[in-house]
């Protein structure tokens, strides 16, 4: 499997992704042009999924309001351009972990672990970029745009790999003092950034990527802008 020839050259234009990433990839909401209609769909979908499926996955003592508080806190992390992690949650972390596990079990959340060459704690992404946009609450800003683009790209890439019967662990790279490099496939690091015309800005982003390449002993790295 060659990432450059099999993946990069066969995907849609960036303009297509920019239009679609806030809608997500699930069949029904992806084709709603009206944002209010999509929001109503996600509201009904989340009520059903959490009240029925998450409650079943969690078991006895499920608190729907506490579960929503976790998702809303994770949504706020997206607005800041950050990956949702336990640091954004308040209250009993052991209790939070149990609810997060239930949300993982029903594919609302996906866990990411740090590569063995890096340092860092687990964080999560939502199972769909449209879902992430719904839980973010705020609907504008550079941080949110970056978060939703990350979700759309990551979910598209991993779905493409799974469609080709290729399975990769969801992991990322971070040095002790560096920035997060979003994901690692075959020891190749990928970093997602907001588009910028500033060469100085890209030089900064490239340093984090170069550090990951060195730590992972990779002669390739992808900066997705």
C-alpha atoms as a PDB file:
ATOM      1  CA  UNK A   1       0.000   0.000   0.000  1.00  0.00           C
ATOM      2  CA  UNK A   2       1.527   3.323  -1.097  1.00  0.00           C
ATOM      3  CA  UNK A   3       0.090   6.419   0.557  1.00  0.00           C
ATOM      4  CA  UNK A   4       1.224   8.788  -2.162  1.00  0.00           C
ATOM      5  CA  UNK A   5      -0.071   6.898  -5.200  1.00  0.00           C
ATOM      6  CA  UNK A   6      -3.061   5.092  -3.672  1.00  0.00           C
ATOM      7  CA  UNK A   7      -4.462   7.853  -1.510  1.00  0.00           C
ATOM      8  CA  UNK A   8      -3.283  11.367  -2.272  1.00  0.00           C
ATOM      9  CA  UNK A   9      -3.926  11.284  -6.017  1.00  0.00           C
ATOM     10  CA  UNK A  10      -7.450   9.847  -5.837  1.00  0.00           C
ATOM     11  CA  UNK A  11      -9.328  12.125  -3.457  1.00  0.00           C
ATOM     12  CA  UNK A  12     -11.695  15.064  -3.908  1.00  0.00           C
ATOM     13  CA  UNK A  13     -10.700  18.701  -4.215  1.00  0.00           C
ATOM     14  CA  UNK A  14     -10.153  20.707  -1.031  1.00  0.00           C
ATOM     15  CA  UNK A  15     -13.093  22.924  -2.053  1.00  0.00           C
ATOM     16  CA  UNK A  16     -15.385  19.882  -1.987  1.00  0.00           C
ATOM     17  CA  UNK A  17     -14.200  18.967   1.491  1.00  0.00           C
ATOM     18  CA  UNK A  18     -14.689  22.528   2.751  1.00  0.00           C
ATOM     19  CA  UNK A  19     -18.328  22.445   1.632  1.00  0.00           C
ATOM     20  CA  UNK A  20     -19.046  19.003   3.049  1.00  0.00           C
ATOM     21  CA  UNK A  21     -17.109  18.829   6.303  1.00  0.00           C
ATOM     22  CA  UNK A  22     -19.717  20.670   8.402  1.00  0.00           C
ATOM     23  CA  UNK A  23     -22.445  18.359   7.090  1.00  0.00           C
ATOM     24  CA  UNK A  24     -20.551  15.193   7.900  1.00  0.00           C
ATOM     25  CA  UNK A  25     -20.618  11.859   6.132  1.00  0.00           C
ATOM     26  CA  UNK A  26     -23.682  10.077   7.495  1.00  0.00           C
ATOM     27  CA  UNK A  27     -26.152   9.532   4.642  1.00  0.00           C
ATOM     28  CA  UNK A  28     -29.154  11.490   5.927  1.00  0.00           C
ATOM     29  CA  UNK A  29     -27.691  14.763   7.302  1.00  0.00           C
ATOM     30  CA  UNK A  30     -24.952  14.885   4.655  1.00  0.00           C
ATOM     31  CA  UNK A  31     -27.555  15.769   2.024  1.00  0.00           C
ATOM     32  CA  UNK A  32     -29.496  18.369   4.031  1.00  0.00           C
ATOM     33  CA  UNK A  33     -28.637  21.789   2.628  1.00  0.00           C
ATOM     34  CA  UNK A  34     -30.448  23.696   5.359  1.00  0.00           C
ATOM     35  CA  UNK A  35     -28.406  23.938   8.561  1.00  0.00           C
ATOM     36  CA  UNK A  36     -31.498  24.148  10.766  1.00  0.00           C
ATOM     37  CA  UNK A  37     -32.794  20.886   9.331  1.00  0.00           C
ATOM     38  CA  UNK A  38     -29.441  19.223   9.969  1.00  0.00           C
ATOM     39  CA  UNK A  39     -29.388  20.534  13.525  1.00  0.00           C
ATOM     40  CA  UNK A  40     -32.873  19.126  14.163  1.00  0.00           C
ATOM     41  CA  UNK A  41     -31.772  15.778  12.751  1.00  0.00           C
ATOM     42  CA  UNK A  42     -28.703  15.634  15.000  1.00  0.00           C
ATOM     43  CA  UNK A  43     -30.749  16.684  18.013  1.00  0.00           C
ATOM     44  CA  UNK A  44     -33.247  13.858  17.462  1.00  0.00           C
ATOM     45  CA  UNK A  45     -30.478  11.402  16.616  1.00  0.00           C
ATOM     46  CA  UNK A  46     -28.462  12.216  19.740  1.00  0.00           C
ATOM     47  CA  UNK A  47     -31.528  12.008  21.998  1.00  0.00           C
ATOM     48  CA  UNK A  48     -32.275   8.521  20.691  1.00  0.00           C
ATOM     49  CA  UNK A  49     -28.684   7.298  20.634  1.00  0.00           C
ATOM     50  CA  UNK A  50     -27.850   8.521  24.120  1.00  0.00           C
ATOM     51  CA  UNK A  51     -31.128   7.702  25.872  1.00  0.00           C
ATOM     52  CA  UNK A  52     -31.300   4.226  24.346  1.00  0.00           C
ATOM     53  CA  UNK A  53     -27.900   3.031  23.119  1.00  0.00           C
ATOM     54  CA  UNK A  54     -25.513   4.789  25.506  1.00  0.00           C
ATOM     55  CA  UNK A  55     -27.756   3.912  28.446  1.00  0.00           C
ATOM     56  CA  UNK A  56     -27.701   0.260  27.427  1.00  0.00           C
ATOM     57  CA  UNK A  57     -23.915   0.284  26.962  1.00  0.00           C
ATOM     58  CA  UNK A  58     -23.387   1.994  30.333  1.00  0.00           C
ATOM     59  CA  UNK A  59     -25.789  -0.118  32.353  1.00  0.00           C
ATOM     60  CA  UNK A  60     -27.412   0.560  35.696  1.00  0.00           C
ATOM     61  CA  UNK A  61     -27.328   4.105  37.069  1.00  0.00           C
ATOM     62  CA  UNK A  62     -27.013   5.887  33.726  1.00  0.00           C
ATOM     63  CA  UNK A  63     -27.473   9.671  34.022  1.00  0.00           C
ATOM     64  CA  UNK A  64     -28.416  11.182  30.671  1.00  0.00           C
ATOM     65  CA  UNK A  65     -27.701  14.748  31.799  1.00  0.00           C
ATOM     66  CA  UNK A  66     -24.197  13.810  32.949  1.00  0.00           C
ATOM     67  CA  UNK A  67     -23.583  12.076  29.640  1.00  0.00           C
ATOM     68  CA  UNK A  68     -24.636  15.199  27.741  1.00  0.00           C
ATOM     69  CA  UNK A  69     -22.397  17.329  29.973  1.00  0.00           C
ATOM     70  CA  UNK A  70     -19.410  15.265  28.827  1.00  0.00           C
ATOM     71  CA  UNK A  71     -20.288  15.671  25.150  1.00  0.00           C
ATOM     72  CA  UNK A  72     -20.906  19.392  25.525  1.00  0.00           C
ATOM     73  CA  UNK A  73     -17.571  19.871  27.315  1.00  0.00           C
ATOM     74  CA  UNK A  74     -15.837  17.979  24.531  1.00  0.00           C
ATOM     75  CA  UNK A  75     -17.634  20.203  22.041  1.00  0.00           C
ATOM     76  CA  UNK A  76     -16.181  23.285  23.726  1.00  0.00           C
ATOM     77  CA  UNK A  77     -12.698  21.850  23.233  1.00  0.00           C
ATOM     78  CA  UNK A  78     -13.404  21.742  19.489  1.00  0.00           C
ATOM     79  CA  UNK A  79     -14.272  25.445  19.467  1.00  0.00           C
ATOM     80  CA  UNK A  80     -10.802  26.129  20.879  1.00  0.00           C
ATOM     81  CA  UNK A  81      -9.185  24.011  18.163  1.00  0.00           C
ATOM     82  CA  UNK A  82      -8.190  21.379  20.724  1.00  0.00           C
ATOM     83  CA  UNK A  83      -8.739  17.639  20.906  1.00  0.00           C
ATOM     84  CA  UNK A  84     -11.253  16.645  23.614  1.00  0.00           C
ATOM     85  CA  UNK A  85      -9.519  15.014  26.574  1.00  0.00           C
ATOM     86  CA  UNK A  86     -10.155  14.408  30.264  1.00  0.00           C
ATOM     87  CA  UNK A  87      -8.575  17.778  31.038  1.00  0.00           C
ATOM     88  CA  UNK A  88     -11.693  19.478  29.635  1.00  0.00           C
ATOM     89  CA  UNK A  89     -14.018  17.534  31.950  1.00  0.00           C
ATOM     90  CA  UNK A  90     -14.942  18.357  35.519  1.00  0.00           C
ATOM     91  CA  UNK A  91     -16.006  15.996  38.279  1.00  0.00           C
ATOM     92  CA  UNK A  92     -15.042  12.419  39.035  1.00  0.00           C
ATOM     93  CA  UNK A  93     -12.648  11.350  36.244  1.00  0.00           C
ATOM     94  CA  UNK A  94     -13.314   7.661  36.919  1.00  0.00           C
ATOM     95  CA  UNK A  95     -17.017   8.272  36.383  1.00  0.00           C
ATOM     96  CA  UNK A  96     -16.273  10.287  33.237  1.00  0.00           C
ATOM     97  CA  UNK A  97     -14.172   7.435  31.854  1.00  0.00           C
ATOM     98  CA  UNK A  98     -17.049   4.985  32.295  1.00  0.00           C
ATOM     99  CA  UNK A  99     -19.409   7.238  30.342  1.00  0.00           C
ATOM    100  CA  UNK A 100     -16.784   7.814  27.651  1.00  0.00           C
ATOM    101  CA  UNK A 101     -16.349   4.054  27.299  1.00  0.00           C
ATOM    102  CA  UNK A 102     -20.100   3.705  26.722  1.00  0.00           C
ATOM    103  CA  UNK A 103     -19.912   6.424  24.045  1.00  0.00           C
ATOM    104  CA  UNK A 104     -16.999   4.598  22.431  1.00  0.00           C
ATOM    105  CA  UNK A 105     -19.001   1.367  22.452  1.00  0.00           C
ATOM    106  CA  UNK A 106     -21.744   2.985  20.357  1.00  0.00           C
ATOM    107  CA  UNK A 107     -19.217   4.766  18.068  1.00  0.00           C
ATOM    108  CA  UNK A 108     -20.037   8.341  19.072  1.00  0.00           C
ATOM    109  CA  UNK A 109     -16.469   8.805  20.290  1.00  0.00           C
ATOM    110  CA  UNK A 110     -13.198   7.324  19.047  1.00  0.00           C
ATOM    111  CA  UNK A 111     -10.187   7.017  21.326  1.00  0.00           C
ATOM    112  CA  UNK A 112      -6.692   8.104  20.234  1.00  0.00           C
ATOM    113  CA  UNK A 113      -3.548   7.019  22.035  1.00  0.00           C
ATOM    114  CA  UNK A 114      -0.071   8.496  21.758  1.00  0.00           C
ATOM    115  CA  UNK A 115       2.536   6.726  19.633  1.00  0.00           C
ATOM    116  CA  UNK A 116       5.197   4.831  21.570  1.00  0.00           C
ATOM    117  CA  UNK A 117       7.781   7.367  20.372  1.00  0.00           C
ATOM    118  CA  UNK A 118       5.875  10.305  21.886  1.00  0.00           C
ATOM    119  CA  UNK A 119       4.344  11.463  25.149  1.00  0.00           C
ATOM    120  CA  UNK A 120       0.767  12.366  25.989  1.00  0.00           C
ATOM    121  CA  UNK A 121      -2.598  11.178  27.236  1.00  0.00           C
ATOM    122  CA  UNK A 122      -5.588   9.757  25.413  1.00  0.00           C
ATOM    123  CA  UNK A 123      -7.925  12.093  23.586  1.00  0.00           C
ATOM    124  CA  UNK A 124     -11.034  11.557  21.471  1.00  0.00           C
ATOM    125  CA  UNK A 125     -12.640  12.481  18.187  1.00  0.00           C
ATOM    126  CA  UNK A 126     -16.302  12.230  17.248  1.00  0.00           C
ATOM    127  CA  UNK A 127     -17.414   9.507  14.873  1.00  0.00           C
ATOM    128  CA  UNK A 128     -18.557  12.051  12.275  1.00  0.00           C
ATOM    129  CA  UNK A 129     -17.568  15.645  11.504  1.00  0.00           C
ATOM    130  CA  UNK A 130     -21.224  16.706  11.284  1.00  0.00           C
ATOM    131  CA  UNK A 131     -21.794  15.229  14.728  1.00  0.00           C
ATOM    132  CA  UNK A 132     -18.747  17.113  16.041  1.00  0.00           C
ATOM    133  CA  UNK A 133     -20.100  20.356  14.570  1.00  0.00           C
ATOM    134  CA  UNK A 134     -23.451  19.786  16.287  1.00  0.00           C
ATOM    135  CA  UNK A 135     -21.925  19.221  19.743  1.00  0.00           C
ATOM    136  CA  UNK A 136     -19.528  22.164  19.360  1.00  0.00           C
ATOM    137  CA  UNK A 137     -22.346  24.596  20.058  1.00  0.00           C
ATOM    138  CA  UNK A 138     -20.603  27.673  18.652  1.00  0.00           C
ATOM    139  CA  UNK A 139     -20.730  27.638  14.861  1.00  0.00           C
ATOM    140  CA  UNK A 140     -17.835  29.847  13.788  1.00  0.00           C
ATOM    141  CA  UNK A 141     -14.184  30.620  14.435  1.00  0.00           C
ATOM    142  CA  UNK A 142     -10.769  29.446  13.255  1.00  0.00           C
ATOM    143  CA  UNK A 143     -10.455  26.913  16.089  1.00  0.00           C
ATOM    144  CA  UNK A 144     -13.753  25.256  15.237  1.00  0.00           C
ATOM    145  CA  UNK A 145     -12.947  25.236  11.518  1.00  0.00           C
ATOM    146  CA  UNK A 146      -9.656  23.481  12.235  1.00  0.00           C
ATOM    147  CA  UNK A 147     -11.346  20.932  14.521  1.00  0.00           C
ATOM    148  CA  UNK A 148     -14.045  20.071  11.990  1.00  0.00           C
ATOM    149  CA  UNK A 149     -11.502  19.834   9.157  1.00  0.00           C
ATOM    150  CA  UNK A 150      -9.438  17.448  11.286  1.00  0.00           C
ATOM    151  CA  UNK A 151     -12.496  15.283  11.942  1.00  0.00           C
ATOM    152  CA  UNK A 152     -13.504  15.210   8.282  1.00  0.00           C
ATOM    153  CA  UNK A 153     -10.009  14.378   7.037  1.00  0.00           C
ATOM    154  CA  UNK A 154      -9.254  11.782   9.690  1.00  0.00           C
ATOM    155  CA  UNK A 155     -12.583  10.004   9.295  1.00  0.00           C
ATOM    156  CA  UNK A 156     -12.274  10.038   5.497  1.00  0.00           C
ATOM    157  CA  UNK A 157      -8.728   8.673   5.542  1.00  0.00           C
ATOM    158  CA  UNK A 158      -9.445   5.895   8.016  1.00  0.00           C
ATOM    159  CA  UNK A 159     -12.676   4.957   6.225  1.00  0.00           C
ATOM    160  CA  UNK A 160     -10.699   4.749   2.973  1.00  0.00           C
ATOM    161  CA  UNK A 161      -8.148   2.457   4.602  1.00  0.00           C
ATOM    162  CA  UNK A 162     -10.832   0.238   6.158  1.00  0.00           C
ATOM    163  CA  UNK A 163     -12.615   0.034   2.799  1.00  0.00           C
ATOM    164  CA  UNK A 164      -9.359  -1.367   1.423  1.00  0.00           C
ATOM    165  CA  UNK A 165      -9.183  -3.871   4.310  1.00  0.00           C
ATOM    166  CA  UNK A 166      -6.255  -2.051   5.910  1.00  0.00           C
ATOM    167  CA  UNK A 167      -6.471  -1.602   9.658  1.00  0.00           C
ATOM    168  CA  UNK A 168      -4.421   0.948  11.585  1.00  0.00           C
ATOM    169  CA  UNK A 169      -4.484   1.818  15.243  1.00  0.00           C
ATOM    170  CA  UNK A 170      -5.657   5.373  15.879  1.00  0.00           C
ATOM    171  CA  UNK A 171      -2.611   7.045  17.331  1.00  0.00           C
ATOM    172  CA  UNK A 172      -0.972  10.446  17.271  1.00  0.00           C
ATOM    173  CA  UNK A 173       2.452  11.863  18.075  1.00  0.00           C
ATOM    174  CA  UNK A 174       3.500  14.561  20.501  1.00  0.00           C
ATOM    175  CA  UNK A 175       6.919  15.431  21.892  1.00  0.00           C
ATOM    176  CA  UNK A 176       7.326  16.598  25.476  1.00  0.00           C
ATOM    177  CA  UNK A 177       7.213  20.284  24.549  1.00  0.00           C
ATOM    178  CA  UNK A 178       5.882  20.179  20.991  1.00  0.00           C
ATOM    179  CA  UNK A 179       2.502  20.431  19.305  1.00  0.00           C
ATOM    180  CA  UNK A 180       0.225  17.501  18.504  1.00  0.00           C
ATOM    181  CA  UNK A 181       0.859  15.761  15.189  1.00  0.00           C
ATOM    182  CA  UNK A 182      -2.619  14.533  14.407  1.00  0.00           C
ATOM    183  CA  UNK A 183      -2.080  10.934  13.311  1.00  0.00           C
ATOM    184  CA  UNK A 184       0.566   8.412  12.368  1.00  0.00           C
ATOM    185  CA  UNK A 185       0.210   5.731   9.671  1.00  0.00           C
ATOM    186  CA  UNK A 186       3.067   3.320   8.945  1.00  0.00           C
ATOM    187  CA  UNK A 187       5.352   5.561  11.034  1.00  0.00           C
ATOM    188  CA  UNK A 188       4.497   8.486   8.732  1.00  0.00           C
ATOM    189  CA  UNK A 189       3.237  11.560  10.635  1.00  0.00           C
ATOM    190  CA  UNK A 190       0.355  13.735   9.406  1.00  0.00           C
ATOM    191  CA  UNK A 191      -0.367  17.225  10.729  1.00  0.00           C
ATOM    192  CA  UNK A 192      -3.559  19.179   9.916  1.00  0.00           C
ATOM    193  CA  UNK A 193      -3.406  22.989  10.021  1.00  0.00           C
ATOM    194  CA  UNK A 194      -5.487  25.965   8.933  1.00  0.00           C
ATOM    195  CA  UNK A 195      -4.501  27.270   5.519  1.00  0.00           C
ATOM    196  CA  UNK A 196      -2.146  30.222   5.661  1.00  0.00           C
ATOM    197  CA  UNK A 197      -0.383  32.385   3.114  1.00  0.00           C
ATOM    198  CA  UNK A 198       2.425  33.106   5.567  1.00  0.00           C
ATOM    199  CA  UNK A 199       5.625  31.172   4.933  1.00  0.00           C
ATOM    200  CA  UNK A 200       6.634  31.949   8.526  1.00  0.00           C
ATOM    201  CA  UNK A 201       3.489  30.234   9.795  1.00  0.00           C
ATOM    202  CA  UNK A 202       4.109  27.151   7.679  1.00  0.00           C
ATOM    203  CA  UNK A 203       7.722  27.032   8.850  1.00  0.00           C
ATOM    204  CA  UNK A 204       6.450  26.796  12.429  1.00  0.00           C
ATOM    205  CA  UNK A 205       4.043  23.980  11.518  1.00  0.00           C
ATOM    206  CA  UNK A 206       6.762  22.161   9.618  1.00  0.00           C
ATOM    207  CA  UNK A 207       9.031  22.124  12.678  1.00  0.00           C
ATOM    208  CA  UNK A 208       6.549  20.033  14.636  1.00  0.00           C
ATOM    209  CA  UNK A 209       6.225  17.687  11.675  1.00  0.00           C
ATOM    210  CA  UNK A 210       9.991  17.444  11.225  1.00  0.00           C
ATOM    211  CA  UNK A 211      10.393  16.590  14.900  1.00  0.00           C
ATOM    212  CA  UNK A 212       7.849  13.795  14.540  1.00  0.00           C
ATOM    213  CA  UNK A 213       9.601  12.462  11.440  1.00  0.00           C
ATOM    214  CA  UNK A 214      12.886  12.310  13.330  1.00  0.00           C
ATOM    215  CA  UNK A 215      11.353  10.570  16.356  1.00  0.00           C
ATOM    216  CA  UNK A 216       9.499   8.090  14.144  1.00  0.00           C
ATOM    217  CA  UNK A 217      12.527   7.482  11.877  1.00  0.00           C
ATOM    218  CA  UNK A 218      10.437   8.446   8.851  1.00  0.00           C
ATOM    219  CA  UNK A 219      11.676  10.161   5.698  1.00  0.00           C
ATOM    220  CA  UNK A 220       8.123  11.322   4.924  1.00  0.00           C
ATOM    221  CA  UNK A 221       5.645  13.627   6.603  1.00  0.00           C
ATOM    222  CA  UNK A 222       2.412  15.227   5.391  1.00  0.00           C
ATOM    223  CA  UNK A 223       1.252  18.743   6.223  1.00  0.00           C
ATOM    224  CA  UNK A 224      -2.455  18.979   5.343  1.00  0.00           C
ATOM    225  CA  UNK A 225      -3.583  22.603   5.108  1.00  0.00           C
END
